[in-house]
């Protein structure tokens, strides 16, 4: 589970994760709660392919990270 989240407000003043839509924020939070990542993604050290849920989580996470890096720059 992520310990640090970067939230912003969208045009309707809804709290969303940076780089994601409100719907994607909800999806990411649900996936994050479901996947057994524990801060150490098992797929990183494994040759096993990612499940569709892991692939989607990773896609959303990468978009969040890109937005976070842009904000920090």
PDB file of N, CA and C in Angstrom:
ATOM      1  N   UNK A   1       0.838  -1.173   0.000  1.00  0.00           N
ATOM      2  CA  UNK A   1       0.000   0.000   0.000  1.00  0.00           C
ATOM      3  C   UNK A   1       0.887   1.240   0.000  1.00  0.00           C
ATOM      4  N   UNK A   2       0.502   2.234  -0.739  1.00  0.00           N
ATOM      5  CA  UNK A   2       1.278   3.471  -0.804  1.00  0.00           C
ATOM      6  C   UNK A   2       1.126   4.233   0.504  1.00  0.00           C
ATOM      7  N   UNK A   3       2.231   4.769   0.989  1.00  0.00           N
ATOM      8  CA  UNK A   3       2.163   5.546   2.221  1.00  0.00           C
ATOM      9  C   UNK A   3       2.058   7.033   1.940  1.00  0.00           C
ATOM     10  N   UNK A   4       2.461   7.454   0.766  1.00  0.00           N
ATOM     11  CA  UNK A   4       2.440   8.868   0.433  1.00  0.00           C
ATOM     12  C   UNK A   4       1.642   9.054  -0.845  1.00  0.00           C
ATOM     13  N   UNK A   5       0.651   9.906  -0.797  1.00  0.00           N
ATOM     14  CA  UNK A   5      -0.177  10.149  -1.977  1.00  0.00           C
ATOM     15  C   UNK A   5      -0.141  11.631  -2.300  1.00  0.00           C
ATOM     16  N   UNK A   6      -0.118  11.919  -3.572  1.00  0.00           N
ATOM     17  CA  UNK A   6      -0.109  13.302  -4.021  1.00  0.00           C
ATOM     18  C   UNK A   6      -1.475  13.622  -4.598  1.00  0.00           C
ATOM     19  N   UNK A   7      -2.292  14.322  -3.831  1.00  0.00           N
ATOM     20  CA  UNK A   7      -3.631  14.677  -4.269  1.00  0.00           C
ATOM     21  C   UNK A   7      -3.656  16.116  -4.766  1.00  0.00           C
ATOM     22  N   UNK A   8      -4.541  16.371  -5.715  1.00  0.00           N
ATOM     23  CA  UNK A   8      -4.813  17.715  -6.205  1.00  0.00           C
ATOM     24  C   UNK A   8      -6.328  17.887  -6.227  1.00  0.00           C
ATOM     25  N   UNK A   9      -6.776  19.066  -6.545  1.00  0.00           N
ATOM     26  CA  UNK A   9      -8.212  19.305  -6.722  1.00  0.00           C
ATOM     27  C   UNK A   9      -8.484  19.491  -8.204  1.00  0.00           C
ATOM     28  N   UNK A  10      -9.530  18.812  -8.694  1.00  0.00           N
ATOM     29  CA  UNK A  10      -9.880  18.998 -10.097  1.00  0.00           C
ATOM     30  C   UNK A  10     -10.769  20.235 -10.238  1.00  0.00           C
ATOM     31  N   UNK A  11     -11.279  20.467 -11.437  1.00  0.00           N
ATOM     32  CA  UNK A  11     -12.075  21.669 -11.700  1.00  0.00           C
ATOM     33  C   UNK A  11     -13.355  21.721 -10.868  1.00  0.00           C
ATOM     34  N   UNK A  12     -13.851  20.550 -10.487  1.00  0.00           N
ATOM     35  CA  UNK A  12     -15.059  20.494  -9.654  1.00  0.00           C
ATOM     36  C   UNK A  12     -14.711  20.403  -8.169  1.00  0.00           C
ATOM     37  N   UNK A  13     -13.424  20.661  -7.852  1.00  0.00           N
ATOM     38  CA  UNK A  13     -12.901  20.660  -6.492  1.00  0.00           C
ATOM     39  C   UNK A  13     -12.996  19.290  -5.819  1.00  0.00           C
ATOM     40  N   UNK A  14     -12.890  18.234  -6.630  1.00  0.00           N
ATOM     41  CA  UNK A  14     -12.820  16.871  -6.094  1.00  0.00           C
ATOM     42  C   UNK A  14     -11.357  16.527  -5.870  1.00  0.00           C
ATOM     43  N   UNK A  15     -11.081  15.832  -4.807  1.00  0.00           N
ATOM     44  CA  UNK A  15      -9.714  15.428  -4.492  1.00  0.00           C
ATOM     45  C   UNK A  15      -9.337  14.229  -5.358  1.00  0.00           C
ATOM     46  N   UNK A  16      -8.305  14.398  -6.171  1.00  0.00           N
ATOM     47  CA  UNK A  16      -7.856  13.330  -7.065  1.00  0.00           C
ATOM     48  C   UNK A  16      -6.340  13.178  -6.950  1.00  0.00           C
ATOM     49  N   UNK A  17      -5.869  12.010  -7.285  1.00  0.00           N
ATOM     50  CA  UNK A  17      -4.431  11.796  -7.329  1.00  0.00           C
ATOM     51  C   UNK A  17      -3.873  12.504  -8.549  1.00  0.00           C
ATOM     52  N   UNK A  18      -2.760  13.187  -8.377  1.00  0.00           N
ATOM     53  CA  UNK A  18      -2.151  13.943  -9.461  1.00  0.00           C
ATOM     54  C   UNK A  18      -1.936  13.058 -10.675  1.00  0.00           C
ATOM     55  N   UNK A  19      -2.315  13.556 -11.829  1.00  0.00           N
ATOM     56  CA  UNK A  19      -2.135  12.830 -13.073  1.00  0.00           C
ATOM     57  C   UNK A  19      -3.267  11.883 -13.422  1.00  0.00           C
ATOM     58  N   UNK A  20      -4.246  11.743 -12.505  1.00  0.00           N
ATOM     59  CA  UNK A  20      -5.358  10.819 -12.741  1.00  0.00           C
ATOM     60  C   UNK A  20      -6.682  11.574 -12.715  1.00  0.00           C
ATOM     61  N   UNK A  21      -7.686  10.974 -13.342  1.00  0.00           N
ATOM     62  CA  UNK A  21      -9.039  11.510 -13.276  1.00  0.00           C
ATOM     63  C   UNK A  21      -9.671  11.049 -11.964  1.00  0.00           C
ATOM     64  N   UNK A  22     -10.820  11.623 -11.589  1.00  0.00           N
ATOM     65  CA  UNK A  22     -11.497  11.141 -10.382  1.00  0.00           C
ATOM     66  C   UNK A  22     -11.824   9.638 -10.458  1.00  0.00           C
ATOM     67  N   UNK A  23     -12.246   9.196 -11.633  1.00  0.00           N
ATOM     68  CA  UNK A  23     -12.572   7.779 -11.795  1.00  0.00           C
ATOM     69  C   UNK A  23     -11.320   6.908 -11.660  1.00  0.00           C
ATOM     70  N   UNK A  24     -10.226   7.368 -12.248  1.00  0.00           N
ATOM     71  CA  UNK A  24      -8.970   6.622 -12.150  1.00  0.00           C
ATOM     72  C   UNK A  24      -8.431   6.629 -10.721  1.00  0.00           C
ATOM     73  N   UNK A  25      -8.653   7.723  -9.998  1.00  0.00           N
ATOM     74  CA  UNK A  25      -8.242   7.781  -8.597  1.00  0.00           C
ATOM     75  C   UNK A  25      -8.961   6.704  -7.802  1.00  0.00           C
ATOM     76  N   UNK A  26     -10.263   6.604  -7.996  1.00  0.00           N
ATOM     77  CA  UNK A  26     -11.045   5.573  -7.306  1.00  0.00           C
ATOM     78  C   UNK A  26     -10.558   4.179  -7.699  1.00  0.00           C
ATOM     79  N   UNK A  27     -10.342   3.977  -8.985  1.00  0.00           N
ATOM     80  CA  UNK A  27      -9.856   2.684  -9.471  1.00  0.00           C
ATOM     81  C   UNK A  27      -8.501   2.352  -8.860  1.00  0.00           C
ATOM     82  N   UNK A  28      -7.584   3.328  -8.848  1.00  0.00           N
ATOM     83  CA  UNK A  28      -6.259   3.092  -8.293  1.00  0.00           C
ATOM     84  C   UNK A  28      -6.345   2.744  -6.815  1.00  0.00           C
ATOM     85  N   UNK A  29      -7.135   3.486  -6.063  1.00  0.00           N
ATOM     86  CA  UNK A  29      -7.256   3.218  -4.632  1.00  0.00           C
ATOM     87  C   UNK A  29      -7.819   1.826  -4.371  1.00  0.00           C
ATOM     88  N   UNK A  30      -8.784   1.397  -5.174  1.00  0.00           N
ATOM     89  CA  UNK A  30      -9.337   0.046  -5.020  1.00  0.00           C
ATOM     90  C   UNK A  30      -8.287  -1.014  -5.351  1.00  0.00           C
ATOM     91  N   UNK A  31      -7.581  -0.828  -6.458  1.00  0.00           N
ATOM     92  CA  UNK A  31      -6.532  -1.776  -6.836  1.00  0.00           C
ATOM     93  C   UNK A  31      -5.430  -1.810  -5.785  1.00  0.00           C
ATOM     94  N   UNK A  32      -5.042  -0.647  -5.294  1.00  0.00           N
ATOM     95  CA  UNK A  32      -3.977  -0.554  -4.304  1.00  0.00           C
ATOM     96  C   UNK A  32      -4.345  -1.308  -3.030  1.00  0.00           C
ATOM     97  N   UNK A  33      -5.619  -1.250  -2.648  1.00  0.00           N
ATOM     98  CA  UNK A  33      -6.077  -1.953  -1.445  1.00  0.00           C
ATOM     99  C   UNK A  33      -6.168  -3.464  -1.676  1.00  0.00           C
ATOM    100  N   UNK A  34      -6.388  -3.884  -2.914  1.00  0.00           N
ATOM    101  CA  UNK A  34      -6.580  -5.301  -3.222  1.00  0.00           C
ATOM    102  C   UNK A  34      -5.277  -6.055  -3.444  1.00  0.00           C
ATOM    103  N   UNK A  35      -4.309  -5.398  -4.050  1.00  0.00           N
ATOM    104  CA  UNK A  35      -3.082  -6.094  -4.428  1.00  0.00           C
ATOM    105  C   UNK A  35      -2.155  -6.259  -3.232  1.00  0.00           C
ATOM    106  N   UNK A  36      -1.540  -7.411  -3.119  1.00  0.00           N
ATOM    107  CA  UNK A  36      -0.628  -7.663  -1.988  1.00  0.00           C
ATOM    108  C   UNK A  36       0.767  -7.096  -2.245  1.00  0.00           C
ATOM    109  N   UNK A  37       0.872  -5.782  -2.326  1.00  0.00           N
ATOM    110  CA  UNK A  37       2.158  -5.184  -2.653  1.00  0.00           C
ATOM    111  C   UNK A  37       3.024  -4.939  -1.423  1.00  0.00           C
ATOM    112  N   UNK A  38       2.436  -4.571  -0.310  1.00  0.00           N
ATOM    113  CA  UNK A  38       3.162  -4.348   0.940  1.00  0.00           C
ATOM    114  C   UNK A  38       4.411  -3.498   0.765  1.00  0.00           C
ATOM    115  N   UNK A  39       4.391  -2.570  -0.155  1.00  0.00           N
ATOM    116  CA  UNK A  39       5.540  -1.713  -0.355  1.00  0.00           C
ATOM    117  C   UNK A  39       6.681  -2.354  -1.111  1.00  0.00           C
ATOM    118  N   UNK A  40       6.576  -3.634  -1.386  1.00  0.00           N
ATOM    119  CA  UNK A  40       7.616  -4.362  -2.117  1.00  0.00           C
ATOM    120  C   UNK A  40       6.945  -5.187  -3.208  1.00  0.00           C
ATOM    121  N   UNK A  41       6.733  -4.596  -4.363  1.00  0.00           N
ATOM    122  CA  UNK A  41       6.035  -5.329  -5.427  1.00  0.00           C
ATOM    123  C   UNK A  41       6.745  -6.637  -5.773  1.00  0.00           C
ATOM    124  N   UNK A  42       6.047  -7.748  -5.628  1.00  0.00           N
ATOM    125  CA  UNK A  42       6.637  -9.054  -5.904  1.00  0.00           C
ATOM    126  C   UNK A  42       6.954  -9.216  -7.379  1.00  0.00           C
ATOM    127  N   UNK A  43       6.222  -8.517  -8.252  1.00  0.00           N
ATOM    128  CA  UNK A  43       6.445  -8.671  -9.682  1.00  0.00           C
ATOM    129  C   UNK A  43       7.768  -8.087 -10.135  1.00  0.00           C
ATOM    130  N   UNK A  44       8.365  -7.239  -9.332  1.00  0.00           N
ATOM    131  CA  UNK A  44       9.640  -6.653  -9.738  1.00  0.00           C
ATOM    132  C   UNK A  44      10.775  -7.666  -9.733  1.00  0.00           C
ATOM    133  N   UNK A  45      10.705  -8.629  -8.850  1.00  0.00           N
ATOM    134  CA  UNK A  45      11.781  -9.591  -8.709  1.00  0.00           C
ATOM    135  C   UNK A  45      11.387 -10.961  -9.247  1.00  0.00           C
ATOM    136  N   UNK A  46      10.364 -10.964 -10.030  1.00  0.00           N
ATOM    137  CA  UNK A  46       9.834 -12.234 -10.506  1.00  0.00           C
ATOM    138  C   UNK A  46       9.812 -12.243 -12.028  1.00  0.00           C
ATOM    139  N   UNK A  47       9.927 -13.411 -12.571  1.00  0.00           N
ATOM    140  CA  UNK A  47       9.824 -13.567 -14.022  1.00  0.00           C
ATOM    141  C   UNK A  47       8.371 -13.795 -14.441  1.00  0.00           C
ATOM    142  N   UNK A  48       7.471 -13.876 -13.469  1.00  0.00           N
ATOM    143  CA  UNK A  48       6.075 -14.127 -13.772  1.00  0.00           C
ATOM    144  C   UNK A  48       5.444 -12.897 -14.411  1.00  0.00           C
ATOM    145  N   UNK A  49       4.542 -13.105 -15.372  1.00  0.00           N
ATOM    146  CA  UNK A  49       3.875 -11.960 -15.986  1.00  0.00           C
ATOM    147  C   UNK A  49       2.927 -11.295 -14.989  1.00  0.00           C
ATOM    148  N   UNK A  50       2.670 -10.033 -15.211  1.00  0.00           N
ATOM    149  CA  UNK A  50       1.745  -9.301 -14.356  1.00  0.00           C
ATOM    150  C   UNK A  50       0.311  -9.700 -14.654  1.00  0.00           C
ATOM    151  N   UNK A  51      -0.500  -9.714 -13.608  1.00  0.00           N
ATOM    152  CA  UNK A  51      -1.931  -9.935 -13.815  1.00  0.00           C
ATOM    153  C   UNK A  51      -2.517  -8.652 -14.405  1.00  0.00           C
ATOM    154  N   UNK A  52      -3.723  -8.722 -14.978  1.00  0.00           N
ATOM    155  CA  UNK A  52      -4.336  -7.498 -15.508  1.00  0.00           C
ATOM    156  C   UNK A  52      -4.486  -6.407 -14.439  1.00  0.00           C
ATOM    157  N   UNK A  53      -4.811  -6.795 -13.209  1.00  0.00           N
ATOM    158  CA  UNK A  53      -4.936  -5.807 -12.137  1.00  0.00           C
ATOM    159  C   UNK A  53      -3.589  -5.166 -11.828  1.00  0.00           C
ATOM    160  N   UNK A  54      -2.539  -5.968 -11.800  1.00  0.00           N
ATOM    161  CA  UNK A  54      -1.201  -5.427 -11.544  1.00  0.00           C
ATOM    162  C   UNK A  54      -0.761  -4.509 -12.678  1.00  0.00           C
ATOM    163  N   UNK A  55      -1.067  -4.896 -13.911  1.00  0.00           N
ATOM    164  CA  UNK A  55      -0.718  -4.062 -15.060  1.00  0.00           C
ATOM    165  C   UNK A  55      -1.418  -2.711 -14.973  1.00  0.00           C
ATOM    166  N   UNK A  56      -2.701  -2.724 -14.633  1.00  0.00           N
ATOM    167  CA  UNK A  56      -3.462  -1.476 -14.541  1.00  0.00           C
ATOM    168  C   UNK A  56      -2.937  -0.615 -13.390  1.00  0.00           C
ATOM    169  N   UNK A  57      -2.671  -1.237 -12.235  1.00  0.00           N
ATOM    170  CA  UNK A  57      -2.116  -0.509 -11.096  1.00  0.00           C
ATOM    171  C   UNK A  57      -0.812   0.165 -11.496  1.00  0.00           C
ATOM    172  N   UNK A  58       0.057  -0.573 -12.181  1.00  0.00           N
ATOM    173  CA  UNK A  58       1.352  -0.048 -12.586  1.00  0.00           C
ATOM    174  C   UNK A  58       1.190   1.105 -13.572  1.00  0.00           C
ATOM    175  N   UNK A  59       0.260   0.990 -14.506  1.00  0.00           N
ATOM    176  CA  UNK A  59      -0.003   2.054 -15.473  1.00  0.00           C
ATOM    177  C   UNK A  59      -0.434   3.342 -14.755  1.00  0.00           C
ATOM    178  N   UNK A  60      -1.370   3.209 -13.828  1.00  0.00           N
ATOM    179  CA  UNK A  60      -1.852   4.373 -13.088  1.00  0.00           C
ATOM    180  C   UNK A  60      -0.752   4.938 -12.187  1.00  0.00           C
ATOM    181  N   UNK A  61       0.010   4.063 -11.554  1.00  0.00           N
ATOM    182  CA  UNK A  61       1.100   4.498 -10.686  1.00  0.00           C
ATOM    183  C   UNK A  61       2.145   5.283 -11.471  1.00  0.00           C
ATOM    184  N   UNK A  62       2.482   4.808 -12.651  1.00  0.00           N
ATOM    185  CA  UNK A  62       3.474   5.512 -13.478  1.00  0.00           C
ATOM    186  C   UNK A  62       2.983   6.898 -13.875  1.00  0.00           C
ATOM    187  N   UNK A  63       1.706   7.022 -14.170  1.00  0.00           N
ATOM    188  CA  UNK A  63       1.152   8.333 -14.503  1.00  0.00           C
ATOM    189  C   UNK A  63       1.195   9.260 -13.295  1.00  0.00           C
ATOM    190  N   UNK A  64       0.907   8.731 -12.111  1.00  0.00           N
ATOM    191  CA  UNK A  64       1.001   9.528 -10.892  1.00  0.00           C
ATOM    192  C   UNK A  64       2.433   9.985 -10.654  1.00  0.00           C
ATOM    193  N   UNK A  65       3.365   9.084 -10.824  1.00  0.00           N
ATOM    194  CA  UNK A  65       4.781   9.412 -10.613  1.00  0.00           C
ATOM    195  C   UNK A  65       5.249  10.479 -11.601  1.00  0.00           C
ATOM    196  N   UNK A  66       4.813  10.378 -12.841  1.00  0.00           N
ATOM    197  CA  UNK A  66       5.194  11.375 -13.843  1.00  0.00           C
ATOM    198  C   UNK A  66       4.649  12.749 -13.445  1.00  0.00           C
ATOM    199  N   UNK A  67       3.420  12.783 -12.963  1.00  0.00           N
ATOM    200  CA  UNK A  67       2.825  14.045 -12.526  1.00  0.00           C
ATOM    201  C   UNK A  67       3.551  14.577 -11.295  1.00  0.00           C
ATOM    202  N   UNK A  68       3.924  13.689 -10.392  1.00  0.00           N
ATOM    203  CA  UNK A  68       4.631  14.104  -9.181  1.00  0.00           C
ATOM    204  C   UNK A  68       5.988  14.701  -9.552  1.00  0.00           C
ATOM    205  N   UNK A  69       6.693  14.063 -10.469  1.00  0.00           N
ATOM    206  CA  UNK A  69       7.997  14.556 -10.886  1.00  0.00           C
ATOM    207  C   UNK A  69       7.885  15.910 -11.583  1.00  0.00           C
ATOM    208  N   UNK A  70       6.839  16.101 -12.377  1.00  0.00           N
ATOM    209  CA  UNK A  70       6.627  17.383 -13.046  1.00  0.00           C
ATOM    210  C   UNK A  70       6.360  18.479 -12.020  1.00  0.00           C
ATOM    211  N   UNK A  71       5.584  18.147 -10.995  1.00  0.00           N
ATOM    212  CA  UNK A  71       5.266  19.117  -9.941  1.00  0.00           C
ATOM    213  C   UNK A  71       6.506  19.472  -9.145  1.00  0.00           C
ATOM    214  N   UNK A  72       7.368  18.490  -8.905  1.00  0.00           N
ATOM    215  CA  UNK A  72       8.566  18.713  -8.104  1.00  0.00           C
ATOM    216  C   UNK A  72       9.628  19.508  -8.866  1.00  0.00           C
ATOM    217  N   UNK A  73       9.574  19.462 -10.185  1.00  0.00           N
ATOM    218  CA  UNK A  73      10.605  20.137 -11.006  1.00  0.00           C
ATOM    219  C   UNK A  73      10.429  21.632 -11.058  1.00  0.00           C
TER     220      UNK A  73
END
